[in-house]
């Protein structure tokens, strides 16, 4: 991966002992996306659309349930679609990740309306974090889903899942999440501090 993508996970999870095997020049920035910092191909898109609890097999875009064991976030899904529109303008592979099956199914149903051929060929992949472990992609768009008033993250707070999610991208990583909710976890709070220090954040409204 691009060395700047590797920087935070290396120091947070491996005491700085892991480094990328390529140079910046070997992993050029993906075009069309408005990266906030022209030296680091990482961006946080702060999106405060609220999460919804759904059944893990929900595929109906309009279904709204109060029960279920999974979560989705329709506002984040809209931002995901916009990011994919930007990345798919160039010759690169792109993966959408989420920790929740409810969001993965919702995104699959949504994106298949626009990118069915790319989904068939594998140029575009939509997966849970666990399902994508051990794989990589030129661009990764990560929808964190959780956005609530009590700072509840569930297994999004699992440091192993966080580490996998932010280390799958070769050339560009975009994380879509609610900053206020993510701040409730120490690892995510440290990542947000790194994001702030390097001026890597965007708002959903400014992007769209």
C-alpha atoms as a PDB file:
ATOM      1  CA  UNK A   1       0.000   0.000   0.000  1.00  0.00           C
ATOM      2  CA  UNK A   2       0.954   3.643  -0.277  1.00  0.00           C
ATOM      3  CA  UNK A   3       3.324   4.359   2.647  1.00  0.00           C
ATOM      4  CA  UNK A   4       1.048   7.102   3.988  1.00  0.00           C
ATOM      5  CA  UNK A   5      -1.865   4.638   4.233  1.00  0.00           C
ATOM      6  CA  UNK A   6       0.378   2.260   6.170  1.00  0.00           C
ATOM      7  CA  UNK A   7       1.605   4.887   8.613  1.00  0.00           C
ATOM      8  CA  UNK A   8      -1.191   4.958  11.215  1.00  0.00           C
ATOM      9  CA  UNK A   9      -1.906   1.202  11.460  1.00  0.00           C
ATOM     10  CA  UNK A  10       1.814   0.480  11.672  1.00  0.00           C
ATOM     11  CA  UNK A  11       2.357   2.743  14.667  1.00  0.00           C
ATOM     12  CA  UNK A  12      -0.971   2.028  16.348  1.00  0.00           C
ATOM     13  CA  UNK A  13      -1.032  -1.746  16.059  1.00  0.00           C
ATOM     14  CA  UNK A  14       2.578  -2.820  15.368  1.00  0.00           C
ATOM     15  CA  UNK A  15       4.722  -0.316  17.303  1.00  0.00           C
ATOM     16  CA  UNK A  16       5.994   1.127  14.015  1.00  0.00           C
ATOM     17  CA  UNK A  17       7.673  -2.133  12.991  1.00  0.00           C
ATOM     18  CA  UNK A  18       5.676  -2.573   9.763  1.00  0.00           C
ATOM     19  CA  UNK A  19       6.443  -0.525   6.672  1.00  0.00           C
ATOM     20  CA  UNK A  20       5.172  -0.568   3.114  1.00  0.00           C
ATOM     21  CA  UNK A  21       7.291  -2.373   0.525  1.00  0.00           C
ATOM     22  CA  UNK A  22       6.698   0.276  -2.133  1.00  0.00           C
ATOM     23  CA  UNK A  23       7.428   3.968  -2.558  1.00  0.00           C
ATOM     24  CA  UNK A  24       4.954   6.824  -2.920  1.00  0.00           C
ATOM     25  CA  UNK A  25       5.724   6.952  -6.641  1.00  0.00           C
ATOM     26  CA  UNK A  26       4.772   3.309  -7.081  1.00  0.00           C
ATOM     27  CA  UNK A  27       1.314   4.008  -5.655  1.00  0.00           C
ATOM     28  CA  UNK A  28       0.202   7.231  -7.370  1.00  0.00           C
ATOM     29  CA  UNK A  29      -2.870   9.046  -6.142  1.00  0.00           C
ATOM     30  CA  UNK A  30      -6.194   8.039  -7.676  1.00  0.00           C
ATOM     31  CA  UNK A  31      -7.583  10.926  -9.677  1.00  0.00           C
ATOM     32  CA  UNK A  32     -11.049  12.544  -9.581  1.00  0.00           C
ATOM     33  CA  UNK A  33     -11.442  12.179  -5.793  1.00  0.00           C
ATOM     34  CA  UNK A  34     -10.870  15.474  -3.896  1.00  0.00           C
ATOM     35  CA  UNK A  35      -8.199  14.282  -1.461  1.00  0.00           C
ATOM     36  CA  UNK A  36      -7.910  16.892   1.334  1.00  0.00           C
ATOM     37  CA  UNK A  37      -4.131  16.435   1.592  1.00  0.00           C
ATOM     38  CA  UNK A  38      -2.158  15.970  -1.617  1.00  0.00           C
ATOM     39  CA  UNK A  39       0.478  13.902   0.187  1.00  0.00           C
ATOM     40  CA  UNK A  40      -1.788  11.376   1.938  1.00  0.00           C
ATOM     41  CA  UNK A  41      -4.418   9.381  -0.016  1.00  0.00           C
ATOM     42  CA  UNK A  42      -6.703   8.993   2.997  1.00  0.00           C
ATOM     43  CA  UNK A  43      -9.935  10.830   3.742  1.00  0.00           C
ATOM     44  CA  UNK A  44     -12.603  10.819   6.418  1.00  0.00           C
ATOM     45  CA  UNK A  45     -16.037  11.889   5.244  1.00  0.00           C
ATOM     46  CA  UNK A  46     -17.990  12.962   8.310  1.00  0.00           C
ATOM     47  CA  UNK A  47     -21.611  11.875   7.855  1.00  0.00           C
ATOM     48  CA  UNK A  48     -24.139  12.235  10.669  1.00  0.00           C
ATOM     49  CA  UNK A  49     -27.035  10.277   9.105  1.00  0.00           C
ATOM     50  CA  UNK A  50     -28.443   8.002  11.806  1.00  0.00           C
ATOM     51  CA  UNK A  51     -28.065   4.233  11.814  1.00  0.00           C
ATOM     52  CA  UNK A  52     -31.076   1.910  11.508  1.00  0.00           C
ATOM     53  CA  UNK A  53     -31.443  -1.550  12.996  1.00  0.00           C
ATOM     54  CA  UNK A  54     -32.448  -4.076  10.333  1.00  0.00           C
ATOM     55  CA  UNK A  55     -32.530  -7.772   9.647  1.00  0.00           C
ATOM     56  CA  UNK A  56     -29.190  -9.067   8.375  1.00  0.00           C
ATOM     57  CA  UNK A  57     -30.889 -10.229   5.159  1.00  0.00           C
ATOM     58  CA  UNK A  58     -32.589  -6.903   4.385  1.00  0.00           C
ATOM     59  CA  UNK A  59     -32.397  -6.019   0.695  1.00  0.00           C
ATOM     60  CA  UNK A  60     -35.465  -3.785   0.239  1.00  0.00           C
ATOM     61  CA  UNK A  61     -34.161  -0.236  -0.119  1.00  0.00           C
ATOM     62  CA  UNK A  62     -37.320   1.215   1.415  1.00  0.00           C
ATOM     63  CA  UNK A  63     -37.750  -1.261   4.248  1.00  0.00           C
ATOM     64  CA  UNK A  64     -37.477   0.327   7.678  1.00  0.00           C
ATOM     65  CA  UNK A  65     -37.545  -1.983  10.685  1.00  0.00           C
ATOM     66  CA  UNK A  66     -36.980  -1.375  14.366  1.00  0.00           C
ATOM     67  CA  UNK A  67     -35.900  -4.944  15.040  1.00  0.00           C
ATOM     68  CA  UNK A  68     -33.218  -7.143  13.575  1.00  0.00           C
ATOM     69  CA  UNK A  69     -29.670  -7.983  14.507  1.00  0.00           C
ATOM     70  CA  UNK A  70     -27.782  -5.861  11.982  1.00  0.00           C
ATOM     71  CA  UNK A  71     -27.473  -2.195  11.039  1.00  0.00           C
ATOM     72  CA  UNK A  72     -27.516  -0.009   7.962  1.00  0.00           C
ATOM     73  CA  UNK A  73     -27.036   3.693   7.312  1.00  0.00           C
ATOM     74  CA  UNK A  74     -28.779   5.057   4.235  1.00  0.00           C
ATOM     75  CA  UNK A  75     -27.098   8.476   4.408  1.00  0.00           C
ATOM     76  CA  UNK A  76     -23.674   6.809   4.381  1.00  0.00           C
ATOM     77  CA  UNK A  77     -24.775   4.592   1.477  1.00  0.00           C
ATOM     78  CA  UNK A  78     -25.551   7.703  -0.588  1.00  0.00           C
ATOM     79  CA  UNK A  79     -22.030   8.992   0.090  1.00  0.00           C
ATOM     80  CA  UNK A  80     -20.578   5.601  -0.839  1.00  0.00           C
ATOM     81  CA  UNK A  81     -22.336   5.773  -4.210  1.00  0.00           C
ATOM     82  CA  UNK A  82     -20.875   9.218  -4.872  1.00  0.00           C
ATOM     83  CA  UNK A  83     -17.360   8.031  -4.010  1.00  0.00           C
ATOM     84  CA  UNK A  84     -17.713   5.003  -6.280  1.00  0.00           C
ATOM     85  CA  UNK A  85     -18.882   7.259  -9.097  1.00  0.00           C
ATOM     86  CA  UNK A  86     -15.610   9.196  -8.754  1.00  0.00           C
ATOM     87  CA  UNK A  87     -13.297   6.198  -8.496  1.00  0.00           C
ATOM     88  CA  UNK A  88     -14.889   4.205 -11.300  1.00  0.00           C
ATOM     89  CA  UNK A  89     -14.043   6.965 -13.782  1.00  0.00           C
ATOM     90  CA  UNK A  90     -10.521   5.565 -13.897  1.00  0.00           C
ATOM     91  CA  UNK A  91      -8.937   2.184 -14.441  1.00  0.00           C
ATOM     92  CA  UNK A  92      -8.736   0.871 -10.900  1.00  0.00           C
ATOM     93  CA  UNK A  93     -10.257  -1.764  -8.674  1.00  0.00           C
ATOM     94  CA  UNK A  94     -12.566  -0.572  -5.925  1.00  0.00           C
ATOM     95  CA  UNK A  95     -13.939  -2.233  -2.815  1.00  0.00           C
ATOM     96  CA  UNK A  96     -16.709  -1.123  -0.479  1.00  0.00           C
ATOM     97  CA  UNK A  97     -16.386  -2.479   3.041  1.00  0.00           C
ATOM     98  CA  UNK A  98     -18.743  -2.408   6.001  1.00  0.00           C
ATOM     99  CA  UNK A  99     -18.804  -4.279   9.313  1.00  0.00           C
ATOM    100  CA  UNK A 100     -22.537  -5.055   8.987  1.00  0.00           C
ATOM    101  CA  UNK A 101     -24.372  -7.462   6.693  1.00  0.00           C
ATOM    102  CA  UNK A 102     -27.375  -5.132   6.701  1.00  0.00           C
ATOM    103  CA  UNK A 103     -25.294  -2.364   5.108  1.00  0.00           C
ATOM    104  CA  UNK A 104     -23.547  -4.740   2.702  1.00  0.00           C
ATOM    105  CA  UNK A 105     -26.873  -6.034   1.403  1.00  0.00           C
ATOM    106  CA  UNK A 106     -28.298  -2.537   1.133  1.00  0.00           C
ATOM    107  CA  UNK A 107     -25.238  -1.298  -0.772  1.00  0.00           C
ATOM    108  CA  UNK A 108     -25.223  -4.342  -3.042  1.00  0.00           C
ATOM    109  CA  UNK A 109     -28.838  -3.711  -3.992  1.00  0.00           C
ATOM    110  CA  UNK A 110     -28.179  -0.002  -4.560  1.00  0.00           C
ATOM    111  CA  UNK A 111     -24.926  -0.280  -6.513  1.00  0.00           C
ATOM    112  CA  UNK A 112     -26.137  -3.146  -8.704  1.00  0.00           C
ATOM    113  CA  UNK A 113     -28.493  -0.627 -10.325  1.00  0.00           C
ATOM    114  CA  UNK A 114     -25.475   1.332 -11.594  1.00  0.00           C
ATOM    115  CA  UNK A 115     -22.487  -1.017 -11.649  1.00  0.00           C
ATOM    116  CA  UNK A 116     -23.865  -4.499 -12.305  1.00  0.00           C
ATOM    117  CA  UNK A 117     -21.178  -5.332 -14.890  1.00  0.00           C
ATOM    118  CA  UNK A 118     -18.353  -4.160 -12.625  1.00  0.00           C
ATOM    119  CA  UNK A 119     -19.756  -6.273  -9.806  1.00  0.00           C
ATOM    120  CA  UNK A 120     -19.840  -9.291 -12.114  1.00  0.00           C
ATOM    121  CA  UNK A 121     -16.248  -8.829 -13.280  1.00  0.00           C
ATOM    122  CA  UNK A 122     -14.932  -8.114  -9.777  1.00  0.00           C
ATOM    123  CA  UNK A 123     -13.672  -4.647 -10.606  1.00  0.00           C
ATOM    124  CA  UNK A 124     -16.094  -3.507  -7.877  1.00  0.00           C
ATOM    125  CA  UNK A 125     -16.484  -5.602  -4.720  1.00  0.00           C
ATOM    126  CA  UNK A 126     -18.856  -5.074  -1.792  1.00  0.00           C
ATOM    127  CA  UNK A 127     -18.024  -7.055   1.330  1.00  0.00           C
ATOM    128  CA  UNK A 128     -17.989  -7.231   5.086  1.00  0.00           C
ATOM    129  CA  UNK A 129     -14.633  -6.601   6.743  1.00  0.00           C
ATOM    130  CA  UNK A 130     -14.369 -10.246   7.767  1.00  0.00           C
ATOM    131  CA  UNK A 131     -15.160 -11.431   4.235  1.00  0.00           C
ATOM    132  CA  UNK A 132     -12.384  -9.311   2.692  1.00  0.00           C
ATOM    133  CA  UNK A 133      -9.597 -10.215   5.100  1.00  0.00           C
ATOM    134  CA  UNK A 134      -6.383 -11.112   3.272  1.00  0.00           C
ATOM    135  CA  UNK A 135      -7.387  -9.303   0.080  1.00  0.00           C
ATOM    136  CA  UNK A 136      -6.604  -5.819  -1.262  1.00  0.00           C
ATOM    137  CA  UNK A 137      -7.903  -3.236  -3.718  1.00  0.00           C
ATOM    138  CA  UNK A 138      -6.664  -0.032  -5.361  1.00  0.00           C
ATOM    139  CA  UNK A 139      -9.400   2.007  -3.658  1.00  0.00           C
ATOM    140  CA  UNK A 140     -11.328   1.139  -0.504  1.00  0.00           C
ATOM    141  CA  UNK A 141     -14.439   2.943   0.668  1.00  0.00           C
ATOM    142  CA  UNK A 142     -15.307   1.949   4.239  1.00  0.00           C
ATOM    143  CA  UNK A 143     -18.811   2.655   5.577  1.00  0.00           C
ATOM    144  CA  UNK A 144     -18.627   2.433   9.370  1.00  0.00           C
ATOM    145  CA  UNK A 145     -22.471   2.598   9.670  1.00  0.00           C
ATOM    146  CA  UNK A 146     -22.780   3.378  13.370  1.00  0.00           C
ATOM    147  CA  UNK A 147     -24.115   6.832  14.193  1.00  0.00           C
ATOM    148  CA  UNK A 148     -26.008   7.286  17.447  1.00  0.00           C
ATOM    149  CA  UNK A 149     -26.297   9.605  20.416  1.00  0.00           C
ATOM    150  CA  UNK A 150     -24.776   7.237  23.003  1.00  0.00           C
ATOM    151  CA  UNK A 151     -21.509   6.451  21.212  1.00  0.00           C
ATOM    152  CA  UNK A 152     -22.316   2.775  20.766  1.00  0.00           C
ATOM    153  CA  UNK A 153     -19.999   1.098  18.244  1.00  0.00           C
ATOM    154  CA  UNK A 154     -20.635  -2.606  18.803  1.00  0.00           C
ATOM    155  CA  UNK A 155     -18.035  -4.768  17.081  1.00  0.00           C
ATOM    156  CA  UNK A 156     -16.914  -1.790  15.004  1.00  0.00           C
ATOM    157  CA  UNK A 157     -14.760  -1.128  18.082  1.00  0.00           C
ATOM    158  CA  UNK A 158     -12.903  -4.433  17.583  1.00  0.00           C
ATOM    159  CA  UNK A 159      -9.293  -3.302  16.884  1.00  0.00           C
ATOM    160  CA  UNK A 160      -8.687  -6.328  14.638  1.00  0.00           C
ATOM    161  CA  UNK A 161     -11.571  -5.353  12.358  1.00  0.00           C
ATOM    162  CA  UNK A 162     -10.450  -1.734  12.351  1.00  0.00           C
ATOM    163  CA  UNK A 163      -6.926  -2.798  11.405  1.00  0.00           C
ATOM    164  CA  UNK A 164      -8.182  -4.949   8.528  1.00  0.00           C
ATOM    165  CA  UNK A 165     -10.533  -2.247   7.239  1.00  0.00           C
ATOM    166  CA  UNK A 166      -7.893   0.487   7.011  1.00  0.00           C
ATOM    167  CA  UNK A 167      -5.150  -1.712   5.519  1.00  0.00           C
ATOM    168  CA  UNK A 168      -6.855  -3.114   2.401  1.00  0.00           C
ATOM    169  CA  UNK A 169      -6.248  -0.117   0.098  1.00  0.00           C
ATOM    170  CA  UNK A 170      -3.228   0.199  -2.194  1.00  0.00           C
ATOM    171  CA  UNK A 171      -3.789   3.730  -3.510  1.00  0.00           C
ATOM    172  CA  UNK A 172      -6.689   5.366  -1.699  1.00  0.00           C
ATOM    173  CA  UNK A 173      -8.694   4.904   1.502  1.00  0.00           C
ATOM    174  CA  UNK A 174     -11.969   6.691   2.231  1.00  0.00           C
ATOM    175  CA  UNK A 175     -13.718   6.190   5.570  1.00  0.00           C
ATOM    176  CA  UNK A 176     -17.322   7.338   5.881  1.00  0.00           C
ATOM    177  CA  UNK A 177     -18.442   7.703   9.460  1.00  0.00           C
ATOM    178  CA  UNK A 178     -19.927   9.796  12.221  1.00  0.00           C
ATOM    179  CA  UNK A 179     -16.989  11.433  13.947  1.00  0.00           C
ATOM    180  CA  UNK A 180     -18.909  12.050  17.168  1.00  0.00           C
ATOM    181  CA  UNK A 181     -19.782   8.352  17.487  1.00  0.00           C
ATOM    182  CA  UNK A 182     -16.322   7.080  16.483  1.00  0.00           C
ATOM    183  CA  UNK A 183     -14.686   9.255  19.155  1.00  0.00           C
ATOM    184  CA  UNK A 184     -16.130   7.005  21.879  1.00  0.00           C
ATOM    185  CA  UNK A 185     -13.501   4.326  21.117  1.00  0.00           C
ATOM    186  CA  UNK A 186      -9.826   4.871  21.963  1.00  0.00           C
ATOM    187  CA  UNK A 187      -8.431   3.431  18.711  1.00  0.00           C
ATOM    188  CA  UNK A 188     -10.852   5.342  16.530  1.00  0.00           C
ATOM    189  CA  UNK A 189     -10.213   8.472  18.598  1.00  0.00           C
ATOM    190  CA  UNK A 190      -6.481   8.107  17.952  1.00  0.00           C
ATOM    191  CA  UNK A 191      -7.161   7.698  14.229  1.00  0.00           C
ATOM    192  CA  UNK A 192      -9.359  10.808  14.242  1.00  0.00           C
ATOM    193  CA  UNK A 193      -6.585  12.749  15.947  1.00  0.00           C
ATOM    194  CA  UNK A 194      -4.235  11.647  13.150  1.00  0.00           C
ATOM    195  CA  UNK A 195      -6.869  12.674  10.592  1.00  0.00           C
ATOM    196  CA  UNK A 196      -7.213  16.100  12.214  1.00  0.00           C
ATOM    197  CA  UNK A 197      -3.456  16.635  12.506  1.00  0.00           C
ATOM    198  CA  UNK A 198      -3.029  15.920   8.791  1.00  0.00           C
ATOM    199  CA  UNK A 199      -6.192  17.752   7.665  1.00  0.00           C
ATOM    200  CA  UNK A 200      -7.741  14.710   6.026  1.00  0.00           C
ATOM    201  CA  UNK A 201     -11.429  15.282   6.700  1.00  0.00           C
ATOM    202  CA  UNK A 202     -14.308  16.235   4.438  1.00  0.00           C
ATOM    203  CA  UNK A 203     -18.006  16.697   5.111  1.00  0.00           C
ATOM    204  CA  UNK A 204     -20.625  14.759   3.219  1.00  0.00           C
ATOM    205  CA  UNK A 205     -22.271  17.984   2.087  1.00  0.00           C
ATOM    206  CA  UNK A 206     -19.031  19.412   0.660  1.00  0.00           C
ATOM    207  CA  UNK A 207     -18.346  16.229  -1.293  1.00  0.00           C
ATOM    208  CA  UNK A 208     -21.811  15.906  -2.763  1.00  0.00           C
END
